[in-house]
Amino acid sequence: MLGCVIMAAGAGTRFSGNKLLASLGDAVVVERTIRSVPPVFETVVVTRWPEVRVRAEAAGVRCVAPAGAERSASVRAGLAVGAARWDGCVFLSGDQPLVRPESLEALAAAHRAEPERVLRLSYGGVMAAPVLFPRRLFAALSALTGADGGRSLLAGEDVRAVEAFGPEELFDIDTRADLVSVRAALSAGAVGVRPRPGA
């Protein structure tokens, strides 16, 4: 079994508001991110925002609160949900709503082929997020402190790139201008997600 931890606890200071609740077509940003995760993953949303929790739980996804505002606290909280049963875990930013289920399935397939490798979604040779960490790194992830979300663990790893279907999948929303770009990509029909079973 694989886990997917959706990181949705950030303050969004550059956005001047909660970007996760910004409207994006027929949903808000975090809802579209949740919908992008295929059933091969057990999904958990890490958030400290009550409104995000309501949206996630309405989609049938478990939520947990981090024990602090730092990124490492979110990593630990999410991983604690399934570390005992997951063979690997993807960490997906809640503000990355254009990632496709097919790309996450490609990460899962790559993990099945090479279960000890760190895998990163990429496009055109540029590695980005999300990142799938194998079980052997769970202890190191759980030991992170401060603002580190796991990037420090990549330096000593032979990381494999898994190609996304389109460049827009790597977009995340940090500013209002980023939101405009994401909305434009959706309007242009560049991306699409399928609903989760039962949603």
Protein backbone atom coordinates (compact mmCIF):
# COMPACT_ATOMS: atom_id res chain seq x y z
CA MET A 1 0.00 0.00 0.00
CA LEU A 2 1.12 3.53 -0.74
CA GLY A 3 0.28 6.71 1.12
CA CYS A 4 -0.32 10.21 -0.13
CA VAL A 5 0.11 13.03 2.36
CA ILE A 6 -1.46 16.26 1.15
CA MET A 7 0.32 19.15 2.84
CA ALA A 8 -2.34 21.77 3.55
CA ALA A 9 -1.24 23.57 6.70
CA GLY A 10 0.75 26.51 5.33
CA ALA A 11 -0.01 30.13 6.15
CA GLY A 12 -0.08 31.31 2.52
CA THR A 13 1.45 34.67 3.41
CA ARG A 14 2.42 35.55 -0.17
CA PHE A 15 -1.16 34.89 -1.27
CA SER A 16 -2.74 37.17 1.36
CA GLY A 17 -5.43 34.70 2.28
CA ASN A 18 -6.08 30.98 2.34
CA LYS A 19 -5.17 29.92 -1.19
CA LEU A 20 -6.40 26.38 -0.52
CA LEU A 21 -9.97 27.71 -0.42
CA ALA A 22 -9.70 29.82 -3.56
CA SER A 23 -12.29 29.00 -6.21
CA LEU A 24 -11.07 26.86 -9.09
CA GLY A 25 -13.82 25.87 -11.49
CA ASP A 26 -16.35 23.64 -9.75
CA ALA A 27 -14.28 23.30 -6.58
CA VAL A 28 -11.69 25.03 -4.43
CA VAL A 29 -7.96 24.47 -4.77
CA VAL A 30 -7.55 21.82 -2.09
CA GLU A 31 -10.60 19.88 -3.33
CA ARG A 32 -9.12 19.64 -6.81
CA THR A 33 -5.84 18.45 -5.33
CA ILE A 34 -7.68 15.77 -3.34
CA ARG A 35 -9.57 14.65 -6.45
CA SER A 36 -6.32 14.18 -8.33
CA VAL A 37 -5.16 11.34 -6.07
CA PRO A 38 -6.08 7.91 -7.49
CA PRO A 39 -7.32 5.03 -5.30
CA VAL A 40 -3.95 3.28 -5.36
CA PHE A 41 -2.97 5.72 -2.59
CA GLU A 42 -4.38 6.01 0.90
CA THR A 43 -4.81 9.77 1.26
CA VAL A 44 -4.48 11.91 4.35
CA VAL A 45 -4.71 15.69 4.51
CA VAL A 46 -2.56 17.50 7.05
CA THR A 47 -4.12 20.85 7.93
CA ARG A 48 -4.62 23.27 10.78
CA TRP A 49 -7.46 25.12 9.01
CA PRO A 50 -11.03 24.11 10.01
CA GLU A 51 -12.43 25.06 6.58
CA VAL A 52 -9.94 22.80 4.82
CA ARG A 53 -10.78 19.96 7.22
CA VAL A 54 -14.49 20.31 6.39
CA ARG A 55 -13.80 20.12 2.65
CA ALA A 56 -11.48 17.14 2.96
CA GLU A 57 -13.75 15.15 5.24
CA ALA A 58 -16.69 15.86 2.92
CA ALA A 59 -14.60 14.21 0.19
CA GLY A 60 -14.12 11.18 2.42
CA VAL A 61 -10.48 11.87 3.22
CA ARG A 62 -8.97 11.61 6.69
CA CYS A 63 -7.49 14.78 8.20
CA VAL A 64 -4.90 15.25 10.90
CA ALA A 65 -3.50 18.39 12.50
CA PRO A 66 0.25 18.99 12.74
CA ALA A 67 1.84 19.62 16.12
CA GLY A 68 3.34 22.87 14.89
CA ALA A 69 3.43 25.32 12.01
CA GLU A 70 6.69 24.11 10.47
CA ARG A 71 6.72 21.93 7.38
CA SER A 72 8.49 19.12 9.22
CA ALA A 73 5.56 18.94 11.67
CA SER A 74 3.19 18.30 8.76
CA VAL A 75 5.49 15.59 7.39
CA ARG A 76 5.54 13.83 10.76
CA ALA A 77 1.78 14.13 11.28
CA GLY A 78 0.91 12.75 7.86
CA LEU A 79 3.45 9.95 7.92
CA ALA A 80 2.33 8.82 11.38
CA VAL A 81 -1.08 7.90 9.95
CA GLY A 82 0.19 5.08 7.79
CA ALA A 83 3.92 4.51 8.28
CA ALA A 84 3.28 1.08 9.74
CA ARG A 85 1.49 -0.16 6.61
CA TRP A 86 2.72 2.00 3.71
CA ASP A 87 5.50 0.80 1.43
CA GLY A 88 6.08 4.34 0.21
CA CYS A 89 4.57 7.77 0.57
CA VAL A 90 3.99 10.68 -1.79
CA PHE A 91 4.05 14.17 -0.32
CA LEU A 92 1.79 16.42 -2.41
CA SER A 93 1.29 20.11 -1.81
CA GLY A 94 -2.33 21.10 -1.27
CA ASP A 95 -1.82 24.03 -3.63
CA GLN A 96 -0.78 21.85 -6.59
CA PRO A 97 -4.25 21.21 -8.06
CA LEU A 98 -3.33 20.43 -11.67
CA VAL A 99 -1.41 17.20 -11.08
CA ARG A 100 -3.17 14.38 -12.91
CA PRO A 101 -4.21 11.02 -11.48
CA GLU A 102 -2.36 9.37 -14.35
CA SER A 103 0.90 11.00 -13.28
CA LEU A 104 0.45 9.86 -9.70
CA GLU A 105 -0.32 6.37 -11.02
CA ALA A 106 2.94 6.55 -12.98
CA LEU A 107 4.76 7.29 -9.72
CA ALA A 108 3.08 4.27 -8.14
CA ALA A 109 4.07 2.05 -11.09
CA ALA A 110 7.66 3.27 -10.90
CA HIS A 111 7.69 2.46 -7.18
CA ARG A 112 6.48 -1.08 -7.88
CA ALA A 113 9.38 -1.50 -10.32
CA GLU A 114 11.98 0.06 -7.99
CA PRO A 115 10.61 0.05 -4.45
CA GLU A 116 13.80 1.41 -2.85
CA ARG A 117 14.18 4.47 -5.09
CA VAL A 118 13.12 8.05 -4.42
CA LEU A 119 10.86 9.20 -7.24
CA ARG A 120 10.06 12.76 -8.34
CA LEU A 121 7.52 14.01 -10.81
CA SER A 122 9.23 15.97 -13.57
CA TYR A 123 8.63 17.55 -16.93
CA GLY A 124 11.13 18.32 -19.67
CA GLY A 125 14.03 17.21 -17.51
CA VAL A 126 13.11 19.45 -14.58
CA MET A 127 12.47 17.54 -11.37
CA ALA A 128 9.81 18.99 -9.10
CA ALA A 129 7.10 17.77 -6.74
CA PRO A 130 5.43 15.62 -5.63
CA VAL A 131 8.09 13.25 -4.33
CA LEU A 132 7.56 9.59 -3.46
CA PHE A 133 9.76 8.38 -0.61
CA PRO A 134 10.28 4.64 -0.01
CA ARG A 135 9.64 3.06 3.37
CA ARG A 136 13.39 2.90 4.17
CA LEU A 137 13.38 6.72 4.54
CA PHE A 138 10.36 6.96 6.83
CA ALA A 139 12.50 7.13 9.98
CA ALA A 140 14.58 9.96 8.52
CA LEU A 141 11.43 11.81 7.45
CA SER A 142 9.98 11.45 10.94
CA ALA A 143 13.17 12.90 12.41
CA LEU A 144 13.04 16.12 10.37
CA THR A 145 12.84 19.42 12.20
CA GLY A 146 12.14 23.03 11.32
CA ALA A 147 11.16 24.11 7.82
CA ASP A 148 12.57 21.03 6.08
CA GLY A 149 9.94 19.01 4.25
CA GLY A 150 12.29 16.26 3.10
CA ARG A 151 14.38 18.04 0.48
CA SER A 152 17.51 17.60 2.61
CA LEU A 153 17.18 13.82 2.22
CA LEU A 154 17.42 13.97 -1.57
CA ALA A 155 21.07 15.01 -1.76
CA GLY A 156 22.44 11.55 -1.09
CA GLU A 157 19.85 9.67 -3.09
CA ASP A 158 19.81 8.32 -6.65
CA VAL A 159 16.53 10.01 -7.50
CA ARG A 160 14.53 8.84 -10.52
CA ALA A 161 12.44 11.28 -12.52
CA VAL A 162 8.93 10.25 -13.56
CA GLU A 163 7.62 12.33 -16.43
CA ALA A 164 4.32 14.16 -15.97
CA PHE A 165 1.82 14.42 -18.82
CA GLY A 166 2.06 18.21 -18.98
CA PRO A 167 4.07 21.11 -17.54
CA GLU A 168 1.04 22.61 -15.78
CA GLU A 169 1.00 19.66 -13.38
CA LEU A 170 4.06 21.05 -11.63
CA PHE A 171 2.42 24.44 -10.94
CA ASP A 172 1.72 25.37 -7.37
CA ILE A 173 -0.09 28.44 -6.16
CA ASP A 174 1.97 30.87 -4.12
CA THR A 175 0.53 34.20 -5.32
CA ARG A 176 -2.66 35.62 -6.80
CA ALA A 177 -0.90 35.68 -10.18
CA ASP A 178 -0.26 31.93 -9.86
CA LEU A 179 -3.97 31.39 -9.29
CA VAL A 180 -4.76 33.33 -12.46
CA SER A 181 -2.34 31.09 -14.39
CA VAL A 182 -3.88 27.92 -12.99
CA ARG A 183 -7.39 29.13 -13.84
CA ALA A 184 -6.23 29.90 -17.37
CA ALA A 185 -4.82 26.39 -17.77
CA LEU A 186 -8.13 24.90 -16.64
CA SER A 187 -10.12 27.17 -18.97
CA ALA A 188 -7.90 26.14 -21.87
CA GLY A 189 -8.69 22.50 -21.19
CA ALA A 190 -5.06 21.69 -20.52
CA VAL A 191 -5.87 19.44 -17.60
CA GLY A 192 -8.61 17.34 -16.18
CA VAL A 193 -9.23 15.13 -13.19
CA ARG A 194 -11.54 12.24 -12.73
CA PRO A 195 -13.74 12.08 -9.64
CA ARG A 196 -12.77 9.83 -6.76
CA PRO A 197 -14.96 6.74 -6.33
CA GLY A 198 -18.05 7.67 -4.37
CA ALA A 199 -17.42 11.40 -4.69
